[in-house]
Amino acid sequence: MAIIRGKVWKFGDDIDTDRIIPARYLNTSDPEKLAEHCMEDADPDFPKKVSKGDIIVAGKNFGSGSSREHAPIAIKAAGVAAVIAKSFARIFYRNSFNTGLLILEAPEAVDGIEEGDIIEIDTKAGTIKNTRTGITYKANPIPPFMEELLEAGGLMEYIKKKYNLGGK
C-alpha cells in the first residue's frame, strides 16, 4: 500500500452494522447495490455525497452489532478508501480485513480531524496527516498478516494467490 488521500466524512460513537447497511437491504450481496445504501441510516445523503477515495472517520466501537460482512463490503463498494476510528467492534475489525477494507485505530486523529478535511494516510509509516492543520498522527500498527490480506484484496484473494487458485 502507499499514500491514500481523501476527503473526510465524520461519524460519532457506536455506529452499528444496521446504520452502516440497514437490514432491509440484506436481500442482496451485490456490492454495488449495498453501496447505494451505505451509511444512509446515519446520514441519508451519504450514498449521494461520498466519492471514490473518501475516508470515514468515526468514534469508538465502529461496526458493532451483527457479524454481517455486508457492512465492510458496502463501505468499500461505496468507494471509501479507509475507515479511521477510535476503536472497532471485534467482528467488524476482522470482517474488514477479510474483505480488503483498510481500517485504522487512531483515537488522537479522530479528535483532531473534522468533516470535510483532506487527510493523507501513509500505510507504510502508519501515519495520518491532516492537510488542513498540518498535524500528523500515528495509527495503531496493523498486524503483518492483516497487511497481507489488505495487499491481496481480502481473504479470498489472498487464498487464491497463496494456493495458486486463479482458475487459469
N, C-alpha and C. Protein backbone atom coordinates (compact mmCIF):
# COMPACT_ATOMS: atom_id res chain seq x y z
N MET A 1 0.85 -1.17 0.00
CA MET A 1 0.00 0.00 0.00
C MET A 1 0.90 1.23 0.00
N ALA A 2 0.30 2.38 -0.06
CA ALA A 2 1.10 3.60 -0.18
C ALA A 2 0.40 4.76 0.51
N ILE A 3 0.34 5.89 -0.20
CA ILE A 3 -0.33 7.08 0.33
C ILE A 3 -1.77 7.10 -0.17
N ILE A 4 -2.69 7.28 0.76
CA ILE A 4 -4.11 7.42 0.43
C ILE A 4 -4.50 8.83 0.83
N ARG A 5 -5.09 9.57 -0.09
CA ARG A 5 -5.52 10.94 0.18
C ARG A 5 -7.01 11.03 -0.09
N GLY A 6 -7.76 11.56 0.87
CA GLY A 6 -9.19 11.65 0.66
C GLY A 6 -9.88 12.62 1.59
N LYS A 7 -11.12 12.91 1.23
CA LYS A 7 -11.98 13.81 2.00
C LYS A 7 -12.64 13.01 3.12
N VAL A 8 -12.79 13.66 4.26
CA VAL A 8 -13.33 13.01 5.46
C VAL A 8 -14.83 13.20 5.60
N TRP A 9 -15.48 12.09 5.94
CA TRP A 9 -16.88 12.07 6.38
C TRP A 9 -16.84 11.59 7.81
N LYS A 10 -17.37 12.37 8.73
CA LYS A 10 -17.20 12.05 10.15
C LYS A 10 -18.51 11.58 10.78
N PHE A 11 -18.37 10.53 11.60
CA PHE A 11 -19.48 9.94 12.32
C PHE A 11 -19.08 9.78 13.79
N GLY A 12 -20.06 9.60 14.65
CA GLY A 12 -19.81 9.52 16.08
C GLY A 12 -19.51 8.12 16.58
N ASP A 13 -19.81 7.91 17.85
CA ASP A 13 -19.57 6.62 18.52
C ASP A 13 -20.67 5.62 18.19
N ASP A 14 -20.35 4.35 18.35
CA ASP A 14 -21.32 3.24 18.30
C ASP A 14 -22.12 3.19 17.00
N ILE A 15 -21.46 3.41 15.87
CA ILE A 15 -22.12 3.23 14.58
C ILE A 15 -22.17 1.73 14.32
N ASP A 16 -23.38 1.17 14.43
CA ASP A 16 -23.50 -0.28 14.30
C ASP A 16 -23.74 -0.69 12.85
N THR A 17 -23.70 -1.99 12.62
CA THR A 17 -23.81 -2.50 11.25
C THR A 17 -25.16 -2.18 10.62
N ASP A 18 -26.20 -2.00 11.43
CA ASP A 18 -27.51 -1.62 10.87
C ASP A 18 -27.50 -0.19 10.36
N ARG A 19 -26.66 0.65 10.92
CA ARG A 19 -26.54 2.02 10.41
C ARG A 19 -25.59 2.06 9.22
N ILE A 20 -24.65 1.13 9.16
CA ILE A 20 -23.73 1.06 8.02
C ILE A 20 -24.48 0.54 6.79
N ILE A 21 -25.17 -0.58 6.95
CA ILE A 21 -26.02 -1.11 5.87
C ILE A 21 -27.27 -1.68 6.53
N PRO A 22 -28.38 -0.94 6.42
CA PRO A 22 -29.61 -1.36 7.09
C PRO A 22 -30.06 -2.77 6.69
N ALA A 23 -30.59 -3.48 7.65
CA ALA A 23 -31.01 -4.88 7.44
C ALA A 23 -32.02 -5.01 6.30
N ARG A 24 -32.80 -3.97 6.05
CA ARG A 24 -33.81 -4.06 4.97
C ARG A 24 -33.19 -4.23 3.58
N TYR A 25 -31.87 -4.03 3.47
CA TYR A 25 -31.20 -4.19 2.18
C TYR A 25 -30.37 -5.46 2.10
N LEU A 26 -30.51 -6.32 3.08
CA LEU A 26 -29.68 -7.52 3.10
C LEU A 26 -30.24 -8.65 2.24
N ASN A 27 -31.20 -8.35 1.39
CA ASN A 27 -31.71 -9.35 0.46
C ASN A 27 -30.78 -9.48 -0.76
N THR A 28 -29.67 -8.75 -0.74
CA THR A 28 -28.68 -8.86 -1.80
C THR A 28 -27.29 -8.90 -1.20
N SER A 29 -26.37 -9.49 -1.92
CA SER A 29 -24.97 -9.42 -1.52
C SER A 29 -24.16 -8.73 -2.62
N ASP A 30 -24.87 -8.11 -3.58
CA ASP A 30 -24.23 -7.38 -4.66
C ASP A 30 -23.60 -6.10 -4.10
N PRO A 31 -22.27 -5.99 -4.15
CA PRO A 31 -21.61 -4.82 -3.57
C PRO A 31 -22.14 -3.48 -4.09
N GLU A 32 -22.43 -3.39 -5.38
CA GLU A 32 -22.92 -2.13 -5.93
C GLU A 32 -24.28 -1.75 -5.37
N LYS A 33 -25.15 -2.74 -5.17
CA LYS A 33 -26.48 -2.47 -4.58
C LYS A 33 -26.33 -2.07 -3.12
N LEU A 34 -25.43 -2.73 -2.40
CA LEU A 34 -25.19 -2.38 -1.00
C LEU A 34 -24.64 -0.95 -0.89
N ALA A 35 -23.75 -0.58 -1.80
CA ALA A 35 -23.15 0.76 -1.78
C ALA A 35 -24.20 1.85 -1.91
N GLU A 36 -25.27 1.58 -2.62
CA GLU A 36 -26.34 2.57 -2.81
C GLU A 36 -27.01 2.96 -1.50
N HIS A 37 -26.84 2.14 -0.46
CA HIS A 37 -27.49 2.38 0.83
C HIS A 37 -26.50 2.50 1.98
N CYS A 38 -25.22 2.57 1.66
CA CYS A 38 -24.17 2.64 2.68
C CYS A 38 -24.35 3.86 3.57
N MET A 39 -24.38 3.65 4.87
CA MET A 39 -24.44 4.69 5.90
C MET A 39 -25.72 5.54 5.86
N GLU A 40 -26.73 5.13 5.07
CA GLU A 40 -27.89 6.00 4.93
C GLU A 40 -28.71 6.16 6.21
N ASP A 41 -28.64 5.23 7.14
CA ASP A 41 -29.35 5.42 8.40
C ASP A 41 -28.58 6.31 9.36
N ALA A 42 -27.30 6.56 9.09
CA ALA A 42 -26.51 7.50 9.87
C ALA A 42 -26.54 8.88 9.22
N ASP A 43 -26.56 8.90 7.88
CA ASP A 43 -26.63 10.14 7.10
C ASP A 43 -27.34 9.79 5.79
N PRO A 44 -28.63 10.14 5.68
CA PRO A 44 -29.41 9.74 4.49
C PRO A 44 -28.80 10.16 3.15
N ASP A 45 -28.00 11.22 3.14
CA ASP A 45 -27.41 11.70 1.89
C ASP A 45 -26.03 11.12 1.60
N PHE A 46 -25.49 10.35 2.53
CA PHE A 46 -24.13 9.83 2.36
C PHE A 46 -23.91 9.11 1.03
N PRO A 47 -24.82 8.20 0.62
CA PRO A 47 -24.56 7.49 -0.64
C PRO A 47 -24.44 8.42 -1.85
N LYS A 48 -25.09 9.58 -1.79
CA LYS A 48 -25.03 10.53 -2.91
C LYS A 48 -23.80 11.44 -2.81
N LYS A 49 -23.31 11.67 -1.58
CA LYS A 49 -22.21 12.61 -1.35
C LYS A 49 -20.83 11.97 -1.46
N VAL A 50 -20.72 10.71 -1.06
CA VAL A 50 -19.40 10.07 -0.99
C VAL A 50 -18.80 9.90 -2.39
N SER A 51 -17.50 10.09 -2.46
CA SER A 51 -16.77 9.90 -3.72
C SER A 51 -15.67 8.86 -3.52
N LYS A 52 -15.27 8.27 -4.62
CA LYS A 52 -14.19 7.27 -4.58
C LYS A 52 -12.96 7.89 -3.93
N GLY A 53 -12.41 7.19 -2.95
CA GLY A 53 -11.22 7.64 -2.26
C GLY A 53 -11.48 8.40 -0.97
N ASP A 54 -12.75 8.70 -0.68
CA ASP A 54 -13.09 9.38 0.57
C ASP A 54 -12.81 8.48 1.76
N ILE A 55 -12.78 9.09 2.94
CA ILE A 55 -12.41 8.37 4.16
C ILE A 55 -13.44 8.64 5.24
N ILE A 56 -13.87 7.59 5.92
CA ILE A 56 -14.77 7.72 7.07
C ILE A 56 -13.92 7.82 8.32
N VAL A 57 -14.25 8.77 9.17
CA VAL A 57 -13.62 8.93 10.48
C VAL A 57 -14.74 8.84 11.51
N ALA A 58 -14.56 8.00 12.52
CA ALA A 58 -15.63 7.76 13.48
C ALA A 58 -15.08 7.59 14.89
N GLY A 59 -15.98 7.59 15.84
CA GLY A 59 -15.62 7.45 17.25
C GLY A 59 -15.33 6.02 17.64
N LYS A 60 -15.73 5.68 18.84
CA LYS A 60 -15.43 4.35 19.37
C LYS A 60 -16.49 3.33 18.94
N ASN A 61 -16.07 2.06 18.94
CA ASN A 61 -16.96 0.92 18.72
C ASN A 61 -17.64 0.94 17.34
N PHE A 62 -16.91 1.36 16.32
CA PHE A 62 -17.46 1.38 14.97
C PHE A 62 -17.70 -0.05 14.50
N GLY A 63 -18.87 -0.32 13.92
CA GLY A 63 -19.17 -1.64 13.37
C GLY A 63 -19.72 -2.62 14.38
N SER A 64 -20.23 -2.13 15.50
CA SER A 64 -20.83 -3.04 16.48
C SER A 64 -22.11 -3.62 15.91
N GLY A 65 -22.66 -4.60 16.59
CA GLY A 65 -23.91 -5.20 16.13
C GLY A 65 -23.67 -6.56 15.51
N SER A 66 -24.38 -6.82 14.44
CA SER A 66 -24.33 -8.15 13.84
C SER A 66 -22.99 -8.41 13.17
N SER A 67 -22.74 -9.66 12.88
CA SER A 67 -21.45 -10.07 12.32
C SER A 67 -21.44 -10.04 10.80
N ARG A 68 -22.41 -9.42 10.18
CA ARG A 68 -22.51 -9.47 8.72
C ARG A 68 -21.31 -8.84 8.01
N GLU A 69 -20.83 -9.52 6.99
CA GLU A 69 -19.76 -8.98 6.15
C GLU A 69 -20.28 -7.91 5.21
N HIS A 70 -21.59 -7.78 5.09
CA HIS A 70 -22.18 -6.78 4.21
C HIS A 70 -21.70 -5.37 4.57
N ALA A 71 -21.45 -5.11 5.86
CA ALA A 71 -21.09 -3.75 6.29
C ALA A 71 -19.77 -3.28 5.66
N PRO A 72 -18.65 -4.00 5.85
CA PRO A 72 -17.43 -3.51 5.20
C PRO A 72 -17.50 -3.61 3.67
N ILE A 73 -18.25 -4.56 3.15
CA ILE A 73 -18.41 -4.66 1.70
C ILE A 73 -19.11 -3.41 1.17
N ALA A 74 -20.16 -2.96 1.85
CA ALA A 74 -20.90 -1.76 1.42
C ALA A 74 -20.00 -0.54 1.46
N ILE A 75 -19.21 -0.41 2.53
CA ILE A 75 -18.31 0.75 2.66
C ILE A 75 -17.29 0.75 1.53
N LYS A 76 -16.67 -0.39 1.31
CA LYS A 76 -15.65 -0.49 0.26
C LYS A 76 -16.26 -0.24 -1.13
N ALA A 77 -17.43 -0.81 -1.38
CA ALA A 77 -18.09 -0.65 -2.67
C ALA A 77 -18.56 0.79 -2.90
N ALA A 78 -18.81 1.53 -1.83
CA ALA A 78 -19.19 2.94 -1.95
C ALA A 78 -18.01 3.80 -2.37
N GLY A 79 -16.82 3.21 -2.37
CA GLY A 79 -15.63 3.94 -2.79
C GLY A 79 -14.77 4.44 -1.65
N VAL A 80 -15.18 4.15 -0.42
CA VAL A 80 -14.43 4.61 0.74
C VAL A 80 -13.09 3.88 0.77
N ALA A 81 -12.00 4.65 0.87
CA ALA A 81 -10.66 4.08 0.83
C ALA A 81 -10.23 3.53 2.18
N ALA A 82 -10.77 4.10 3.27
CA ALA A 82 -10.35 3.67 4.61
C ALA A 82 -11.36 4.16 5.63
N VAL A 83 -11.35 3.50 6.78
CA VAL A 83 -12.12 3.94 7.93
C VAL A 83 -11.13 4.10 9.08
N ILE A 84 -11.16 5.27 9.69
CA ILE A 84 -10.33 5.55 10.86
C ILE A 84 -11.29 5.73 12.03
N ALA A 85 -11.04 5.04 13.12
CA ALA A 85 -11.92 5.17 14.28
C ALA A 85 -11.10 5.08 15.56
N LYS A 86 -11.75 5.47 16.66
CA LYS A 86 -11.10 5.32 17.96
C LYS A 86 -10.98 3.84 18.31
N SER A 87 -12.01 3.07 17.95
CA SER A 87 -11.97 1.61 18.14
C SER A 87 -13.02 0.98 17.24
N PHE A 88 -12.83 -0.31 16.99
CA PHE A 88 -13.74 -1.08 16.14
C PHE A 88 -14.30 -2.25 16.93
N ALA A 89 -15.54 -2.61 16.62
CA ALA A 89 -16.09 -3.86 17.16
C ALA A 89 -15.24 -4.99 16.60
N ARG A 90 -15.00 -5.99 17.41
CA ARG A 90 -14.07 -7.07 17.05
C ARG A 90 -14.44 -7.78 15.74
N ILE A 91 -15.69 -8.14 15.56
CA ILE A 91 -16.08 -8.87 14.34
C ILE A 91 -15.97 -7.97 13.11
N PHE A 92 -16.30 -6.69 13.25
CA PHE A 92 -16.17 -5.77 12.12
C PHE A 92 -14.69 -5.61 11.75
N TYR A 93 -13.84 -5.55 12.77
CA TYR A 93 -12.40 -5.44 12.54
C TYR A 93 -11.93 -6.58 11.64
N ARG A 94 -12.29 -7.80 12.00
CA ARG A 94 -11.85 -8.96 11.22
C ARG A 94 -12.51 -8.99 9.84
N ASN A 95 -13.81 -8.71 9.79
CA ASN A 95 -14.51 -8.72 8.50
C ASN A 95 -13.92 -7.68 7.54
N SER A 96 -13.47 -6.56 8.08
CA SER A 96 -12.89 -5.52 7.22
C SER A 96 -11.63 -6.04 6.52
N PHE A 97 -10.75 -6.65 7.27
CA PHE A 97 -9.54 -7.20 6.66
C PHE A 97 -9.89 -8.34 5.71
N ASN A 98 -10.86 -9.16 6.08
CA ASN A 98 -11.26 -10.28 5.22
C ASN A 98 -11.81 -9.80 3.88
N THR A 99 -12.42 -8.61 3.86
CA THR A 99 -12.99 -8.07 2.62
C THR A 99 -12.06 -7.06 1.94
N GLY A 100 -10.91 -6.81 2.56
CA GLY A 100 -9.94 -5.90 1.94
C GLY A 100 -10.17 -4.43 2.22
N LEU A 101 -10.93 -4.09 3.27
CA LEU A 101 -11.17 -2.70 3.63
C LEU A 101 -10.13 -2.25 4.65
N LEU A 102 -9.39 -1.20 4.33
CA LEU A 102 -8.40 -0.66 5.26
C LEU A 102 -9.10 0.03 6.42
N ILE A 103 -8.76 -0.38 7.63
CA ILE A 103 -9.25 0.28 8.84
C ILE A 103 -8.06 0.59 9.73
N LEU A 104 -8.14 1.72 10.41
CA LEU A 104 -7.06 2.14 11.29
C LEU A 104 -7.64 2.65 12.60
N GLU A 105 -7.04 2.22 13.70
CA GLU A 105 -7.41 2.77 15.00
C GLU A 105 -6.44 3.90 15.32
N ALA A 106 -6.99 5.10 15.54
CA ALA A 106 -6.16 6.27 15.80
C ALA A 106 -7.00 7.29 16.57
N PRO A 107 -7.16 7.08 17.89
CA PRO A 107 -8.02 7.96 18.69
C PRO A 107 -7.66 9.44 18.62
N GLU A 108 -6.38 9.78 18.65
CA GLU A 108 -5.98 11.19 18.59
C GLU A 108 -6.33 11.81 17.24
N ALA A 109 -6.17 11.04 16.18
CA ALA A 109 -6.51 11.54 14.85
C ALA A 109 -8.00 11.84 14.76
N VAL A 110 -8.83 10.95 15.30
CA VAL A 110 -10.28 11.16 15.27
C VAL A 110 -10.63 12.49 15.93
N ASP A 111 -9.99 12.78 17.06
CA ASP A 111 -10.27 14.02 17.78
C ASP A 111 -9.79 15.25 17.03
N GLY A 112 -8.75 15.11 16.20
CA GLY A 112 -8.16 16.25 15.52
C GLY A 112 -8.61 16.45 14.09
N ILE A 113 -9.50 15.61 13.61
CA ILE A 113 -9.95 15.67 12.21
C ILE A 113 -11.42 16.07 12.19
N GLU A 114 -11.78 16.96 11.28
CA GLU A 114 -13.17 17.40 11.13
C GLU A 114 -13.71 16.96 9.77
N GLU A 115 -15.04 16.86 9.70
CA GLU A 115 -15.66 16.52 8.42
C GLU A 115 -15.26 17.55 7.37
N GLY A 116 -14.93 17.07 6.21
CA GLY A 116 -14.51 17.92 5.11
C GLY A 116 -13.01 18.09 5.00
N ASP A 117 -12.28 17.75 6.07
CA ASP A 117 -10.81 17.82 6.00
C ASP A 117 -10.31 16.85 4.93
N ILE A 118 -9.17 17.18 4.37
CA ILE A 118 -8.47 16.27 3.47
C ILE A 118 -7.33 15.68 4.30
N ILE A 119 -7.25 14.36 4.32
CA ILE A 119 -6.19 13.71 5.07
C ILE A 119 -5.39 12.79 4.15
N GLU A 120 -4.16 12.55 4.58
CA GLU A 120 -3.27 11.64 3.86
C GLU A 120 -2.86 10.53 4.81
N ILE A 121 -3.10 9.31 4.38
CA ILE A 121 -2.72 8.14 5.16
C ILE A 121 -1.50 7.52 4.50
N ASP A 122 -0.43 7.38 5.25
CA ASP A 122 0.75 6.68 4.77
C ASP A 122 0.71 5.30 5.43
N THR A 123 0.28 4.31 4.68
CA THR A 123 0.08 2.99 5.26
C THR A 123 1.38 2.33 5.69
N LYS A 124 2.47 2.62 5.00
CA LYS A 124 3.76 2.03 5.37
C LYS A 124 4.27 2.62 6.69
N ALA A 125 4.15 3.94 6.84
CA ALA A 125 4.63 4.61 8.04
C ALA A 125 3.62 4.52 9.19
N GLY A 126 2.35 4.23 8.84
CA GLY A 126 1.31 4.17 9.87
C GLY A 126 0.92 5.55 10.38
N THR A 127 0.95 6.54 9.47
CA THR A 127 0.64 7.90 9.86
C THR A 127 -0.57 8.45 9.11
N ILE A 128 -1.20 9.43 9.75
CA ILE A 128 -2.35 10.11 9.18
C ILE A 128 -2.08 11.61 9.30
N LYS A 129 -2.02 12.31 8.18
CA LYS A 129 -1.74 13.75 8.20
C LYS A 129 -3.00 14.51 7.81
N ASN A 130 -3.35 15.47 8.65
CA ASN A 130 -4.46 16.37 8.34
C ASN A 130 -3.87 17.53 7.55
N THR A 131 -4.24 17.66 6.28
CA THR A 131 -3.65 18.70 5.44
C THR A 131 -4.13 20.10 5.83
N ARG A 132 -5.26 20.19 6.51
CA ARG A 132 -5.76 21.50 6.97
C ARG A 132 -4.91 22.04 8.10
N THR A 133 -4.58 21.19 9.06
CA THR A 133 -3.84 21.64 10.24
C THR A 133 -2.35 21.38 10.14
N GLY A 134 -1.95 20.45 9.27
CA GLY A 134 -0.55 20.07 9.17
C GLY A 134 -0.11 19.08 10.24
N ILE A 135 -1.04 18.67 11.10
CA ILE A 135 -0.70 17.75 12.18
C ILE A 135 -0.70 16.31 11.66
N THR A 136 0.31 15.55 12.08
CA THR A 136 0.41 14.14 11.71
C THR A 136 0.18 13.30 12.96
N TYR A 137 -0.64 12.28 12.81
CA TYR A 137 -1.00 11.37 13.90
C TYR A 137 -0.47 9.98 13.59
N LYS A 138 -0.24 9.21 14.62
CA LYS A 138 0.20 7.82 14.47
C LYS A 138 -1.00 6.90 14.66
N ALA A 139 -1.16 5.95 13.76
CA ALA A 139 -2.22 4.95 13.89
C ALA A 139 -1.66 3.71 14.58
N ASN A 140 -2.53 2.96 15.24
CA ASN A 140 -2.09 1.69 15.81
C ASN A 140 -1.61 0.80 14.67
N PRO A 141 -0.51 0.06 14.88
CA PRO A 141 0.03 -0.77 13.80
C PRO A 141 -0.95 -1.87 13.37
N ILE A 142 -0.91 -2.17 12.08
CA ILE A 142 -1.71 -3.27 11.54
C ILE A 142 -0.84 -4.53 11.63
N PRO A 143 -1.37 -5.61 12.19
CA PRO A 143 -0.59 -6.85 12.25
C PRO A 143 -0.14 -7.28 10.85
N PRO A 144 1.07 -7.84 10.73
CA PRO A 144 1.61 -8.21 9.42
C PRO A 144 0.68 -9.09 8.57
N PHE A 145 0.03 -10.08 9.18
CA PHE A 145 -0.85 -10.93 8.38
C PHE A 145 -2.03 -10.13 7.84
N MET A 146 -2.54 -9.20 8.63
CA MET A 146 -3.65 -8.37 8.17
C MET A 146 -3.19 -7.48 7.00
N GLU A 147 -1.94 -7.02 7.05
CA GLU A 147 -1.39 -6.26 5.92
C GLU A 147 -1.38 -7.11 4.65
N GLU A 148 -1.02 -8.38 4.81
CA GLU A 148 -1.02 -9.28 3.65
C GLU A 148 -2.42 -9.43 3.07
N LEU A 149 -3.42 -9.53 3.94
CA LEU A 149 -4.81 -9.63 3.47
C LEU A 149 -5.20 -8.39 2.68
N LEU A 150 -4.86 -7.21 3.21
CA LEU A 150 -5.18 -5.96 2.52
C LEU A 150 -4.49 -5.88 1.17
N GLU A 151 -3.21 -6.23 1.13
CA GLU A 151 -2.46 -6.16 -0.12
C GLU A 151 -3.02 -7.11 -1.17
N ALA A 152 -3.57 -8.23 -0.73
CA ALA A 152 -4.15 -9.20 -1.66
C ALA A 152 -5.56 -8.80 -2.10
N GLY A 153 -6.21 -7.90 -1.35
CA GLY A 153 -7.58 -7.51 -1.67
C GLY A 153 -8.61 -8.24 -0.82
N GLY A 154 -8.17 -8.89 0.23
CA GLY A 154 -9.08 -9.61 1.12
C GLY A 154 -8.69 -11.07 1.24
N LEU A 155 -9.37 -11.77 2.13
CA LEU A 155 -9.05 -13.16 2.44
C LEU A 155 -9.18 -14.09 1.24
N MET A 156 -10.27 -13.98 0.50
CA MET A 156 -10.47 -14.90 -0.64
C MET A 156 -9.38 -14.70 -1.70
N GLU A 157 -9.04 -13.45 -1.97
CA GLU A 157 -7.98 -13.19 -2.95
C GLU A 157 -6.63 -13.67 -2.43
N TYR A 158 -6.40 -13.52 -1.14
CA TYR A 158 -5.17 -14.00 -0.51
C TYR A 158 -5.04 -15.51 -0.70
N ILE A 159 -6.12 -16.23 -0.43
CA ILE A 159 -6.11 -17.69 -0.57
C ILE A 159 -5.88 -18.10 -2.02
N LYS A 160 -6.57 -17.41 -2.94
CA LYS A 160 -6.38 -17.73 -4.38
C LYS A 160 -4.92 -17.57 -4.79
N LYS A 161 -4.30 -16.48 -4.35
CA LYS A 161 -2.90 -16.23 -4.71
C LYS A 161 -1.97 -17.20 -4.02
N LYS A 162 -2.20 -17.43 -2.73
CA LYS A 162 -1.31 -18.30 -1.96
C LYS A 162 -1.31 -19.73 -2.48
N TYR A 163 -2.47 -20.21 -2.89
CA TYR A 163 -2.59 -21.61 -3.33
C TYR A 163 -2.74 -21.72 -4.85
N ASN A 164 -2.43 -20.63 -5.54
CA ASN A 164 -2.47 -20.61 -7.00
C ASN A 164 -3.81 -21.13 -7.53
N LEU A 165 -4.89 -20.57 -7.03
CA LEU A 165 -6.24 -20.98 -7.42
C LEU A 165 -6.87 -19.95 -8.37
N GLY A 166 -6.06 -19.39 -9.22
CA GLY A 166 -6.53 -18.33 -10.13
C GLY A 166 -7.51 -18.80 -11.18
N GLY A 167 -7.64 -20.07 -11.39
CA GLY A 167 -8.60 -20.59 -12.37
C GLY A 167 -8.13 -20.46 -13.80
N LYS A 168 -6.82 -20.43 -13.99
CA LYS A 168 -6.29 -20.28 -15.36
C LYS A 168 -6.25 -21.60 -16.05
